[in-house]
């Protein structure tokens, strides 16, 4: 953050967390269980896909990343499905708290919510796994329907923007923390070799 390293881990998991408008405590609990029990590490004999981060006593670095909630409208990213900043920060902090309760608090790391950050990840394998809570899975037909609903909303807006829509469309100052939409360029991490 601002050229200063604020967090780092050695071996473990880097969790990029996208928080949706529709996420609830149920999804949070599911993700905590899944992340801590996901068997992505090898065992003592070298057998792959055998051990979890908890089995190996490895660290977890969490990065709040609202851009994971992106829906493309043509070539333009749309983030209406991301939870608003104030709610998302509370949800994210609750997520971290639940991870720390379920595992070892000293092995759960994060950065600074909503800050512009540089994240350095050394992906071993490389292995990247997308996890979604059961309630969050959307089939492509539903996603298309959602995109169409958003397009209809855009078309039905009046030509003269209201005061609130003018404020929404005003350019954001990235130095103003209240201007963040959740996690603009969230969290920095340097991985130790």
N, C-alpha and C. Protein backbone atom coordinates (compact mmCIF):
# COMPACT_ATOMS: atom_id res chain seq x y z
N UNK A 1 0.86 -1.18 0.00
CA UNK A 1 0.00 0.00 0.00
C UNK A 1 0.90 1.22 0.00
N UNK A 2 0.77 2.06 -1.02
CA UNK A 2 1.60 3.26 -1.08
C UNK A 2 3.08 2.94 -1.03
N UNK A 3 3.50 1.83 -1.65
CA UNK A 3 4.90 1.44 -1.67
C UNK A 3 5.38 0.72 -0.43
N UNK A 4 4.52 0.51 0.55
CA UNK A 4 4.89 -0.17 1.79
C UNK A 4 4.25 -1.54 1.86
N UNK A 5 5.03 -2.56 2.22
CA UNK A 5 4.49 -3.90 2.37
C UNK A 5 3.72 -3.98 3.69
N UNK A 6 2.44 -4.34 3.61
CA UNK A 6 1.62 -4.40 4.82
C UNK A 6 1.27 -5.81 5.23
N UNK A 7 1.51 -6.79 4.37
CA UNK A 7 1.16 -8.16 4.70
C UNK A 7 1.92 -9.10 3.79
N UNK A 8 2.24 -10.28 4.30
CA UNK A 8 2.86 -11.31 3.47
C UNK A 8 2.66 -12.67 4.13
N UNK A 9 2.73 -13.71 3.31
CA UNK A 9 2.68 -15.08 3.81
C UNK A 9 3.75 -15.89 3.10
N UNK A 10 4.06 -17.05 3.67
CA UNK A 10 4.92 -18.02 3.02
C UNK A 10 4.04 -18.98 2.24
N UNK A 11 4.19 -20.29 2.47
CA UNK A 11 3.35 -21.28 1.79
C UNK A 11 1.92 -21.18 2.31
N UNK A 12 0.99 -21.36 1.41
CA UNK A 12 -0.42 -21.33 1.82
C UNK A 12 -1.33 -20.99 0.67
N UNK A 13 -2.42 -20.33 1.00
CA UNK A 13 -3.44 -19.96 0.02
C UNK A 13 -3.57 -18.45 -0.06
N UNK A 14 -3.71 -17.95 -1.28
CA UNK A 14 -4.10 -16.56 -1.49
C UNK A 14 -5.55 -16.59 -1.94
N UNK A 15 -6.43 -16.05 -1.12
CA UNK A 15 -7.87 -16.07 -1.39
C UNK A 15 -8.29 -14.72 -1.92
N UNK A 16 -8.77 -14.67 -3.16
CA UNK A 16 -9.33 -13.46 -3.76
C UNK A 16 -10.83 -13.57 -3.58
N UNK A 17 -11.40 -12.71 -2.74
CA UNK A 17 -12.80 -12.84 -2.34
C UNK A 17 -13.67 -11.77 -3.01
N UNK A 18 -14.59 -12.22 -3.84
CA UNK A 18 -15.57 -11.32 -4.45
C UNK A 18 -16.88 -11.44 -3.69
N UNK A 19 -17.36 -10.32 -3.17
CA UNK A 19 -18.58 -10.34 -2.35
C UNK A 19 -19.75 -9.80 -3.16
N UNK A 20 -20.77 -10.64 -3.31
CA UNK A 20 -21.94 -10.30 -4.10
C UNK A 20 -23.01 -9.62 -3.24
N UNK A 21 -23.87 -8.87 -3.90
CA UNK A 21 -25.03 -8.27 -3.24
C UNK A 21 -25.87 -9.30 -2.50
N UNK A 22 -25.91 -10.51 -3.03
CA UNK A 22 -26.79 -11.55 -2.51
C UNK A 22 -26.14 -12.43 -1.45
N UNK A 23 -24.87 -12.21 -1.13
CA UNK A 23 -24.19 -13.06 -0.16
C UNK A 23 -24.74 -12.84 1.25
N UNK A 24 -24.82 -13.95 1.99
CA UNK A 24 -25.36 -13.93 3.35
C UNK A 24 -24.39 -14.67 4.27
N UNK A 25 -24.74 -14.75 5.53
CA UNK A 25 -23.95 -15.49 6.52
C UNK A 25 -23.79 -16.95 6.09
N UNK A 26 -24.80 -17.50 5.46
CA UNK A 26 -24.75 -18.90 5.01
C UNK A 26 -23.62 -19.10 4.00
N UNK A 27 -23.52 -18.19 3.03
CA UNK A 27 -22.45 -18.29 2.03
C UNK A 27 -21.08 -18.09 2.69
N UNK A 28 -21.02 -17.16 3.62
CA UNK A 28 -19.77 -16.88 4.33
C UNK A 28 -19.28 -18.14 5.04
N UNK A 29 -20.15 -18.79 5.79
CA UNK A 29 -19.78 -20.00 6.53
C UNK A 29 -19.35 -21.12 5.59
N UNK A 30 -20.06 -21.26 4.48
CA UNK A 30 -19.71 -22.29 3.49
C UNK A 30 -18.30 -22.04 2.94
N UNK A 31 -18.00 -20.80 2.59
CA UNK A 31 -16.69 -20.48 2.01
C UNK A 31 -15.57 -20.69 3.02
N UNK A 32 -15.78 -20.32 4.26
CA UNK A 32 -14.76 -20.53 5.30
C UNK A 32 -14.44 -22.03 5.41
N UNK A 33 -15.47 -22.86 5.50
CA UNK A 33 -15.25 -24.31 5.59
C UNK A 33 -14.51 -24.84 4.36
N UNK A 34 -14.96 -24.40 3.19
CA UNK A 34 -14.39 -24.91 1.94
C UNK A 34 -12.92 -24.50 1.80
N UNK A 35 -12.61 -23.26 2.08
CA UNK A 35 -11.24 -22.76 1.96
C UNK A 35 -10.30 -23.51 2.89
N UNK A 36 -10.70 -23.69 4.12
CA UNK A 36 -9.82 -24.32 5.11
C UNK A 36 -9.68 -25.82 4.89
N UNK A 37 -10.65 -26.46 4.23
CA UNK A 37 -10.62 -27.92 4.06
C UNK A 37 -10.29 -28.37 2.64
N UNK A 38 -10.11 -27.45 1.72
CA UNK A 38 -9.82 -27.78 0.33
C UNK A 38 -8.48 -28.52 0.24
N UNK A 39 -8.49 -29.72 -0.34
CA UNK A 39 -7.27 -30.54 -0.42
C UNK A 39 -6.51 -30.22 -1.71
N UNK A 40 -5.58 -29.30 -1.61
CA UNK A 40 -4.80 -28.88 -2.77
C UNK A 40 -3.29 -29.09 -2.58
N UNK A 41 -2.89 -29.57 -1.43
CA UNK A 41 -1.47 -29.76 -1.14
C UNK A 41 -1.13 -31.24 -1.11
N UNK A 42 0.17 -31.54 -1.31
CA UNK A 42 0.59 -32.94 -1.29
C UNK A 42 0.87 -33.40 0.14
N UNK A 43 0.78 -34.71 0.33
CA UNK A 43 1.07 -35.26 1.66
C UNK A 43 2.56 -35.55 1.79
N UNK A 44 2.95 -36.16 2.91
CA UNK A 44 4.36 -36.42 3.21
C UNK A 44 5.01 -37.36 2.19
N UNK A 45 4.23 -38.22 1.58
CA UNK A 45 4.78 -39.15 0.58
C UNK A 45 4.78 -38.58 -0.83
N UNK A 46 4.31 -37.33 -0.97
CA UNK A 46 4.32 -36.67 -2.28
C UNK A 46 3.04 -36.84 -3.07
N UNK A 47 2.03 -37.48 -2.47
CA UNK A 47 0.76 -37.68 -3.17
C UNK A 47 0.02 -36.34 -3.25
N UNK A 48 -0.30 -35.94 -4.49
CA UNK A 48 -0.98 -34.66 -4.74
C UNK A 48 -2.44 -34.70 -4.30
N UNK A 49 -2.99 -33.51 -4.04
CA UNK A 49 -4.41 -33.32 -3.73
C UNK A 49 -4.83 -34.11 -2.49
N UNK A 50 -3.98 -34.09 -1.47
CA UNK A 50 -4.23 -34.89 -0.27
C UNK A 50 -4.45 -34.09 1.00
N UNK A 51 -3.85 -32.91 1.10
CA UNK A 51 -3.85 -32.17 2.36
C UNK A 51 -4.42 -30.77 2.19
N UNK A 52 -5.06 -30.31 3.27
CA UNK A 52 -5.61 -28.94 3.28
C UNK A 52 -4.61 -27.97 3.89
N UNK A 53 -4.92 -26.71 3.82
CA UNK A 53 -4.08 -25.68 4.43
C UNK A 53 -4.00 -25.92 5.94
N UNK A 54 -5.08 -26.39 6.56
CA UNK A 54 -5.06 -26.68 8.00
C UNK A 54 -4.21 -27.91 8.29
N UNK A 55 -4.30 -28.94 7.43
CA UNK A 55 -3.48 -30.14 7.63
C UNK A 55 -2.00 -29.79 7.63
N UNK A 56 -1.61 -28.88 6.76
CA UNK A 56 -0.20 -28.52 6.59
C UNK A 56 0.24 -27.36 7.50
N UNK A 57 -0.73 -26.75 8.20
CA UNK A 57 -0.45 -25.60 9.07
C UNK A 57 0.15 -24.44 8.27
N UNK A 58 -0.38 -24.24 7.05
CA UNK A 58 0.06 -23.16 6.19
C UNK A 58 -0.76 -21.90 6.47
N UNK A 59 -0.35 -20.80 5.85
CA UNK A 59 -1.01 -19.51 6.04
C UNK A 59 -2.06 -19.25 4.96
N UNK A 60 -2.93 -18.28 5.24
CA UNK A 60 -3.96 -17.85 4.30
C UNK A 60 -3.91 -16.33 4.21
N UNK A 61 -3.79 -15.82 2.99
CA UNK A 61 -3.84 -14.38 2.75
C UNK A 61 -5.15 -14.08 2.03
N UNK A 62 -5.95 -13.19 2.60
CA UNK A 62 -7.25 -12.84 2.01
C UNK A 62 -7.19 -11.47 1.36
N UNK A 63 -7.74 -11.39 0.16
CA UNK A 63 -7.78 -10.16 -0.61
C UNK A 63 -9.23 -9.92 -1.04
N UNK A 64 -9.82 -8.84 -0.58
CA UNK A 64 -11.17 -8.49 -1.03
C UNK A 64 -11.05 -7.93 -2.44
N UNK A 65 -11.81 -8.50 -3.38
CA UNK A 65 -11.67 -8.09 -4.78
C UNK A 65 -13.04 -8.00 -5.45
N UNK A 66 -13.62 -6.80 -5.42
CA UNK A 66 -14.96 -6.61 -5.97
C UNK A 66 -15.02 -6.88 -7.47
N UNK A 67 -13.89 -6.81 -8.19
CA UNK A 67 -13.90 -7.03 -9.63
C UNK A 67 -14.28 -8.46 -10.00
N UNK A 68 -14.25 -9.38 -9.05
CA UNK A 68 -14.70 -10.74 -9.32
C UNK A 68 -16.20 -10.80 -9.54
N UNK A 69 -16.92 -9.75 -9.15
CA UNK A 69 -18.37 -9.69 -9.35
C UNK A 69 -18.73 -8.99 -10.67
N UNK A 70 -17.78 -8.87 -11.54
CA UNK A 70 -17.97 -8.18 -12.82
C UNK A 70 -18.90 -8.96 -13.75
N UNK A 71 -19.77 -8.22 -14.42
CA UNK A 71 -20.56 -8.75 -15.53
C UNK A 71 -20.20 -7.87 -16.71
N UNK A 72 -19.80 -8.47 -17.82
CA UNK A 72 -19.43 -7.69 -18.98
C UNK A 72 -20.66 -7.27 -19.77
N UNK A 73 -20.70 -6.00 -20.11
CA UNK A 73 -21.71 -5.47 -21.04
C UNK A 73 -20.94 -5.11 -22.30
N UNK A 74 -20.89 -6.05 -23.21
CA UNK A 74 -20.01 -5.88 -24.35
C UNK A 74 -18.59 -5.99 -23.84
N UNK A 75 -17.82 -4.91 -23.98
CA UNK A 75 -16.45 -4.90 -23.48
C UNK A 75 -16.30 -4.10 -22.20
N UNK A 76 -17.40 -3.57 -21.68
CA UNK A 76 -17.33 -2.72 -20.50
C UNK A 76 -17.71 -3.51 -19.24
N UNK A 77 -16.83 -3.48 -18.22
CA UNK A 77 -17.17 -4.17 -16.97
C UNK A 77 -18.27 -3.44 -16.20
N UNK A 78 -19.18 -4.21 -15.64
CA UNK A 78 -20.27 -3.66 -14.82
C UNK A 78 -20.18 -4.32 -13.45
N UNK A 79 -20.20 -3.52 -12.39
CA UNK A 79 -20.00 -4.04 -11.03
C UNK A 79 -21.25 -3.90 -10.16
N UNK A 80 -22.42 -3.83 -10.76
CA UNK A 80 -23.65 -3.69 -9.97
C UNK A 80 -23.93 -4.88 -9.07
N UNK A 81 -23.35 -6.02 -9.36
CA UNK A 81 -23.59 -7.21 -8.54
C UNK A 81 -22.69 -7.25 -7.30
N UNK A 82 -21.68 -6.38 -7.23
CA UNK A 82 -20.81 -6.33 -6.05
C UNK A 82 -21.54 -5.63 -4.90
N UNK A 83 -21.31 -6.13 -3.71
CA UNK A 83 -21.92 -5.54 -2.52
C UNK A 83 -21.36 -4.13 -2.32
N UNK A 84 -22.19 -3.14 -1.94
CA UNK A 84 -21.71 -1.78 -1.69
C UNK A 84 -20.63 -1.75 -0.59
N UNK A 85 -19.76 -0.77 -0.67
CA UNK A 85 -18.58 -0.67 0.17
C UNK A 85 -18.82 -0.90 1.65
N UNK A 86 -19.74 -0.17 2.26
CA UNK A 86 -19.93 -0.27 3.71
C UNK A 86 -20.36 -1.67 4.12
N UNK A 87 -21.32 -2.24 3.39
CA UNK A 87 -21.77 -3.60 3.67
C UNK A 87 -20.65 -4.60 3.42
N UNK A 88 -19.93 -4.42 2.30
CA UNK A 88 -18.87 -5.35 1.92
C UNK A 88 -17.75 -5.36 2.95
N UNK A 89 -17.40 -4.20 3.48
CA UNK A 89 -16.32 -4.15 4.47
C UNK A 89 -16.72 -4.91 5.73
N UNK A 90 -17.94 -4.75 6.17
CA UNK A 90 -18.45 -5.47 7.34
C UNK A 90 -18.45 -6.97 7.06
N UNK A 91 -18.92 -7.37 5.88
CA UNK A 91 -18.97 -8.77 5.48
C UNK A 91 -17.56 -9.36 5.44
N UNK A 92 -16.64 -8.62 4.84
CA UNK A 92 -15.25 -9.06 4.71
C UNK A 92 -14.60 -9.24 6.09
N UNK A 93 -14.81 -8.28 6.98
CA UNK A 93 -14.26 -8.39 8.33
C UNK A 93 -14.85 -9.58 9.08
N UNK A 94 -16.13 -9.84 8.88
CA UNK A 94 -16.78 -11.01 9.47
C UNK A 94 -16.17 -12.30 8.90
N UNK A 95 -15.90 -12.30 7.60
CA UNK A 95 -15.27 -13.44 6.94
C UNK A 95 -13.91 -13.73 7.58
N UNK A 96 -13.10 -12.68 7.76
CA UNK A 96 -11.79 -12.84 8.38
C UNK A 96 -11.92 -13.37 9.81
N UNK A 97 -12.87 -12.83 10.55
CA UNK A 97 -13.11 -13.26 11.93
C UNK A 97 -13.48 -14.74 11.98
N UNK A 98 -14.34 -15.18 11.06
CA UNK A 98 -14.76 -16.58 11.03
C UNK A 98 -13.59 -17.50 10.66
N UNK A 99 -12.74 -17.06 9.72
CA UNK A 99 -11.55 -17.84 9.36
C UNK A 99 -10.64 -17.99 10.58
N UNK A 100 -10.44 -16.89 11.31
CA UNK A 100 -9.55 -16.91 12.48
C UNK A 100 -10.11 -17.80 13.59
N UNK A 101 -11.43 -17.80 13.76
CA UNK A 101 -12.06 -18.66 14.78
C UNK A 101 -11.93 -20.13 14.41
N UNK A 102 -12.04 -20.44 13.13
CA UNK A 102 -12.03 -21.82 12.67
C UNK A 102 -10.62 -22.39 12.53
N UNK A 103 -9.62 -21.53 12.50
CA UNK A 103 -8.24 -21.97 12.27
C UNK A 103 -7.36 -21.31 13.32
N UNK A 104 -6.16 -20.94 12.95
CA UNK A 104 -5.23 -20.25 13.86
C UNK A 104 -5.17 -18.78 13.46
N UNK A 105 -5.59 -17.88 14.34
CA UNK A 105 -5.67 -16.46 13.99
C UNK A 105 -4.36 -15.89 13.43
N UNK A 106 -3.24 -16.34 13.96
CA UNK A 106 -1.94 -15.81 13.51
C UNK A 106 -1.57 -16.25 12.10
N UNK A 107 -2.29 -17.24 11.55
CA UNK A 107 -2.00 -17.72 10.20
C UNK A 107 -2.94 -17.12 9.15
N UNK A 108 -3.87 -16.27 9.57
CA UNK A 108 -4.79 -15.60 8.64
C UNK A 108 -4.32 -14.15 8.48
N UNK A 109 -3.99 -13.76 7.26
CA UNK A 109 -3.47 -12.42 6.98
C UNK A 109 -4.39 -11.72 5.97
N UNK A 110 -4.32 -10.41 5.98
CA UNK A 110 -5.04 -9.63 4.97
C UNK A 110 -4.32 -8.30 4.79
N UNK A 111 -4.87 -7.48 3.94
CA UNK A 111 -4.30 -6.17 3.68
C UNK A 111 -5.20 -5.09 4.20
N UNK A 112 -5.39 -4.05 3.42
CA UNK A 112 -6.21 -2.91 3.82
C UNK A 112 -7.41 -2.83 2.88
N UNK A 113 -8.59 -3.05 3.43
CA UNK A 113 -9.82 -3.07 2.62
C UNK A 113 -9.99 -1.73 1.89
N UNK A 114 -10.30 -1.80 0.61
CA UNK A 114 -10.63 -0.63 -0.17
C UNK A 114 -9.45 0.19 -0.65
N UNK A 115 -8.24 -0.18 -0.25
CA UNK A 115 -7.06 0.58 -0.67
C UNK A 115 -6.58 0.12 -2.04
N UNK A 116 -5.92 1.02 -2.74
CA UNK A 116 -5.27 0.63 -4.00
C UNK A 116 -3.98 -0.07 -3.63
N UNK A 117 -3.83 -1.31 -4.08
CA UNK A 117 -2.69 -2.11 -3.67
C UNK A 117 -2.08 -2.86 -4.83
N UNK A 118 -0.85 -3.26 -4.63
CA UNK A 118 -0.16 -4.15 -5.55
C UNK A 118 -0.09 -5.51 -4.87
N UNK A 119 -0.56 -6.55 -5.57
CA UNK A 119 -0.55 -7.90 -5.02
C UNK A 119 0.43 -8.74 -5.83
N UNK A 120 1.37 -9.34 -5.14
CA UNK A 120 2.36 -10.22 -5.78
C UNK A 120 2.08 -11.64 -5.33
N UNK A 121 1.73 -12.50 -6.30
CA UNK A 121 1.39 -13.88 -5.98
C UNK A 121 2.34 -14.80 -6.72
N UNK A 122 2.94 -15.71 -6.01
CA UNK A 122 3.73 -16.76 -6.64
C UNK A 122 2.87 -18.00 -6.66
N UNK A 123 2.25 -18.28 -7.81
CA UNK A 123 1.29 -19.36 -7.93
C UNK A 123 2.02 -20.66 -8.22
N UNK A 124 1.97 -21.59 -7.29
CA UNK A 124 2.69 -22.85 -7.37
C UNK A 124 1.90 -23.85 -8.20
N UNK A 125 2.47 -24.31 -9.27
CA UNK A 125 1.79 -25.30 -10.10
C UNK A 125 1.68 -24.90 -11.56
N UNK A 126 1.04 -23.83 -11.92
CA UNK A 126 0.16 -23.01 -11.08
C UNK A 126 -1.19 -23.68 -10.86
N UNK A 127 -1.74 -23.47 -9.68
CA UNK A 127 -3.06 -23.99 -9.34
C UNK A 127 -3.94 -22.83 -8.93
N UNK A 128 -5.05 -22.64 -9.65
CA UNK A 128 -6.05 -21.63 -9.32
C UNK A 128 -7.40 -22.31 -9.36
N UNK A 129 -8.15 -22.19 -8.27
CA UNK A 129 -9.46 -22.86 -8.18
C UNK A 129 -10.52 -21.82 -7.87
N UNK A 130 -11.57 -21.78 -8.69
CA UNK A 130 -12.69 -20.87 -8.44
C UNK A 130 -13.70 -21.60 -7.56
N UNK A 131 -14.02 -21.00 -6.41
CA UNK A 131 -15.02 -21.56 -5.50
C UNK A 131 -16.23 -20.64 -5.47
N UNK A 132 -17.41 -21.23 -5.49
CA UNK A 132 -18.64 -20.47 -5.30
C UNK A 132 -19.49 -21.22 -4.31
N UNK A 133 -20.18 -20.45 -3.47
CA UNK A 133 -21.09 -21.10 -2.54
C UNK A 133 -22.26 -21.66 -3.33
N UNK A 134 -22.92 -22.71 -2.83
CA UNK A 134 -24.01 -23.33 -3.58
C UNK A 134 -25.09 -22.35 -4.00
N UNK A 135 -25.44 -21.42 -3.13
CA UNK A 135 -26.49 -20.45 -3.46
C UNK A 135 -26.03 -19.44 -4.50
N UNK A 136 -24.72 -19.26 -4.62
CA UNK A 136 -24.18 -18.25 -5.52
C UNK A 136 -24.02 -18.74 -6.95
N UNK A 137 -24.10 -20.05 -7.17
CA UNK A 137 -23.89 -20.55 -8.52
C UNK A 137 -25.05 -20.11 -9.42
N UNK A 138 -24.69 -19.56 -10.55
CA UNK A 138 -25.69 -19.06 -11.50
C UNK A 138 -25.45 -19.76 -12.82
N UNK A 139 -26.50 -20.37 -13.36
CA UNK A 139 -26.30 -21.00 -14.66
C UNK A 139 -26.30 -19.91 -15.74
N UNK A 140 -25.68 -20.19 -16.88
CA UNK A 140 -25.54 -19.17 -17.93
C UNK A 140 -26.86 -18.56 -18.39
N UNK A 141 -27.95 -19.34 -18.38
CA UNK A 141 -29.25 -18.80 -18.78
C UNK A 141 -29.71 -17.73 -17.81
N UNK A 142 -29.51 -17.95 -16.50
CA UNK A 142 -29.89 -16.95 -15.51
C UNK A 142 -29.02 -15.70 -15.64
N UNK A 143 -27.74 -15.88 -15.93
CA UNK A 143 -26.84 -14.75 -16.08
C UNK A 143 -27.28 -13.88 -17.25
N UNK A 144 -27.66 -14.51 -18.34
CA UNK A 144 -28.14 -13.77 -19.49
C UNK A 144 -29.41 -12.99 -19.12
N UNK A 145 -30.30 -13.62 -18.38
CA UNK A 145 -31.52 -12.95 -17.95
C UNK A 145 -31.19 -11.74 -17.07
N UNK A 146 -30.23 -11.90 -16.16
CA UNK A 146 -29.80 -10.81 -15.29
C UNK A 146 -29.22 -9.66 -16.11
N UNK A 147 -28.40 -9.99 -17.08
CA UNK A 147 -27.83 -8.94 -17.94
C UNK A 147 -28.93 -8.21 -18.69
N UNK A 148 -29.92 -8.94 -19.19
CA UNK A 148 -31.04 -8.30 -19.90
C UNK A 148 -31.82 -7.39 -18.97
N UNK A 149 -32.04 -7.81 -17.72
CA UNK A 149 -32.74 -6.96 -16.75
C UNK A 149 -31.96 -5.67 -16.52
N UNK A 150 -30.66 -5.78 -16.40
CA UNK A 150 -29.84 -4.58 -16.19
C UNK A 150 -29.90 -3.65 -17.41
N UNK A 151 -29.89 -4.22 -18.59
CA UNK A 151 -29.98 -3.41 -19.81
C UNK A 151 -31.32 -2.70 -19.88
N UNK A 152 -32.41 -3.38 -19.50
CA UNK A 152 -33.73 -2.74 -19.50
C UNK A 152 -33.76 -1.58 -18.51
N UNK A 153 -33.15 -1.78 -17.33
CA UNK A 153 -33.09 -0.70 -16.34
C UNK A 153 -32.37 0.51 -16.91
N UNK A 154 -31.27 0.27 -17.61
CA UNK A 154 -30.51 1.36 -18.23
C UNK A 154 -31.37 2.12 -19.25
N UNK A 155 -32.14 1.40 -20.05
CA UNK A 155 -32.97 2.02 -21.08
C UNK A 155 -34.11 2.83 -20.49
N UNK A 156 -34.62 2.40 -19.32
CA UNK A 156 -35.78 3.08 -18.75
C UNK A 156 -35.41 4.32 -17.92
N UNK A 157 -34.14 4.56 -17.70
CA UNK A 157 -33.74 5.77 -16.97
C UNK A 157 -34.07 6.99 -17.83
N UNK A 158 -34.47 8.05 -17.17
CA UNK A 158 -34.81 9.27 -17.89
C UNK A 158 -33.56 9.91 -18.49
N UNK A 159 -33.78 10.75 -19.50
CA UNK A 159 -32.65 11.40 -20.16
C UNK A 159 -31.97 12.42 -19.24
N UNK A 160 -32.72 13.07 -18.36
CA UNK A 160 -32.14 14.03 -17.42
C UNK A 160 -31.81 13.27 -16.14
N UNK A 161 -30.51 13.13 -15.81
CA UNK A 161 -30.17 12.36 -14.62
C UNK A 161 -30.62 13.06 -13.35
N UNK A 162 -31.04 12.27 -12.39
CA UNK A 162 -31.42 12.81 -11.09
C UNK A 162 -30.17 13.21 -10.33
N UNK A 163 -30.35 13.88 -9.21
CA UNK A 163 -29.22 14.31 -8.39
C UNK A 163 -28.38 13.09 -7.95
N UNK A 164 -29.07 12.03 -7.53
CA UNK A 164 -28.33 10.87 -7.04
C UNK A 164 -27.57 10.18 -8.17
N UNK A 165 -28.14 10.11 -9.38
CA UNK A 165 -27.41 9.46 -10.46
C UNK A 165 -26.26 10.33 -10.94
N UNK A 166 -26.39 11.66 -10.84
CA UNK A 166 -25.25 12.53 -11.17
C UNK A 166 -24.11 12.27 -10.19
N UNK A 167 -24.44 12.08 -8.91
CA UNK A 167 -23.40 11.79 -7.92
C UNK A 167 -22.76 10.43 -8.21
N UNK A 168 -23.59 9.45 -8.59
CA UNK A 168 -23.04 8.12 -8.89
C UNK A 168 -22.10 8.18 -10.08
N UNK A 169 -22.42 9.01 -11.07
CA UNK A 169 -21.64 9.06 -12.29
C UNK A 169 -20.47 10.04 -12.20
N UNK A 170 -20.36 10.78 -11.11
CA UNK A 170 -19.26 11.72 -10.97
C UNK A 170 -17.95 10.94 -10.88
N UNK A 171 -16.87 11.49 -11.45
CA UNK A 171 -15.59 10.78 -11.38
C UNK A 171 -15.18 10.58 -9.93
N UNK A 172 -14.61 9.43 -9.66
CA UNK A 172 -14.19 9.11 -8.31
C UNK A 172 -12.75 9.55 -8.11
N UNK A 173 -12.48 10.04 -6.92
CA UNK A 173 -11.14 10.39 -6.53
C UNK A 173 -10.58 9.21 -5.77
N UNK A 174 -9.53 8.56 -6.32
CA UNK A 174 -9.05 7.34 -5.66
C UNK A 174 -8.38 7.61 -4.33
N UNK A 175 -8.07 8.88 -4.01
CA UNK A 175 -7.51 9.21 -2.71
C UNK A 175 -8.58 9.36 -1.65
N UNK A 176 -9.85 9.44 -2.08
CA UNK A 176 -10.96 9.61 -1.15
C UNK A 176 -11.50 8.23 -0.78
N UNK A 177 -11.30 7.78 0.48
CA UNK A 177 -11.75 6.43 0.84
C UNK A 177 -13.24 6.22 0.70
N UNK A 178 -14.03 7.29 0.81
CA UNK A 178 -15.47 7.13 0.66
C UNK A 178 -15.86 6.93 -0.79
N UNK A 179 -14.93 7.16 -1.72
CA UNK A 179 -15.23 7.02 -3.13
C UNK A 179 -15.02 5.58 -3.61
N UNK A 180 -14.51 4.73 -2.78
CA UNK A 180 -14.25 3.36 -3.17
C UNK A 180 -15.55 2.58 -3.32
N UNK A 181 -15.57 1.65 -4.26
CA UNK A 181 -16.75 0.81 -4.41
C UNK A 181 -16.51 -0.58 -3.84
N UNK A 182 -15.65 -0.67 -2.87
CA UNK A 182 -15.50 -1.96 -2.21
C UNK A 182 -14.07 -2.37 -2.04
N UNK A 183 -13.34 -2.42 -3.13
CA UNK A 183 -11.98 -2.92 -3.00
C UNK A 183 -11.16 -2.54 -4.20
N UNK A 184 -11.16 -1.30 -4.57
CA UNK A 184 -10.48 -0.91 -5.79
C UNK A 184 -9.00 -1.23 -5.70
N UNK A 185 -8.60 -2.31 -6.37
CA UNK A 185 -7.22 -2.74 -6.37
C UNK A 185 -6.77 -3.29 -5.03
N UNK A 186 -7.65 -4.03 -4.38
CA UNK A 186 -7.39 -4.49 -3.01
C UNK A 186 -6.08 -5.22 -2.81
N UNK A 187 -5.59 -5.19 -1.71
CA UNK A 187 -4.60 -5.84 -0.89
C UNK A 187 -3.31 -6.26 -1.55
N UNK A 188 -2.25 -6.00 -0.83
CA UNK A 188 -0.92 -6.32 -1.29
C UNK A 188 -0.36 -7.50 -0.51
N UNK A 189 0.39 -8.30 -1.21
CA UNK A 189 1.05 -9.41 -0.54
C UNK A 189 2.33 -9.74 -1.26
N UNK A 190 3.37 -9.92 -0.54
CA UNK A 190 4.61 -10.45 -1.08
C UNK A 190 4.75 -11.85 -0.51
N UNK A 191 4.98 -12.83 -1.33
CA UNK A 191 5.12 -14.20 -0.82
C UNK A 191 6.59 -14.46 -0.56
N UNK A 192 6.86 -15.01 0.60
CA UNK A 192 8.21 -15.41 0.94
C UNK A 192 8.51 -16.72 0.19
N UNK A 193 9.73 -16.90 -0.31
CA UNK A 193 10.06 -18.15 -1.02
C UNK A 193 10.05 -19.35 -0.10
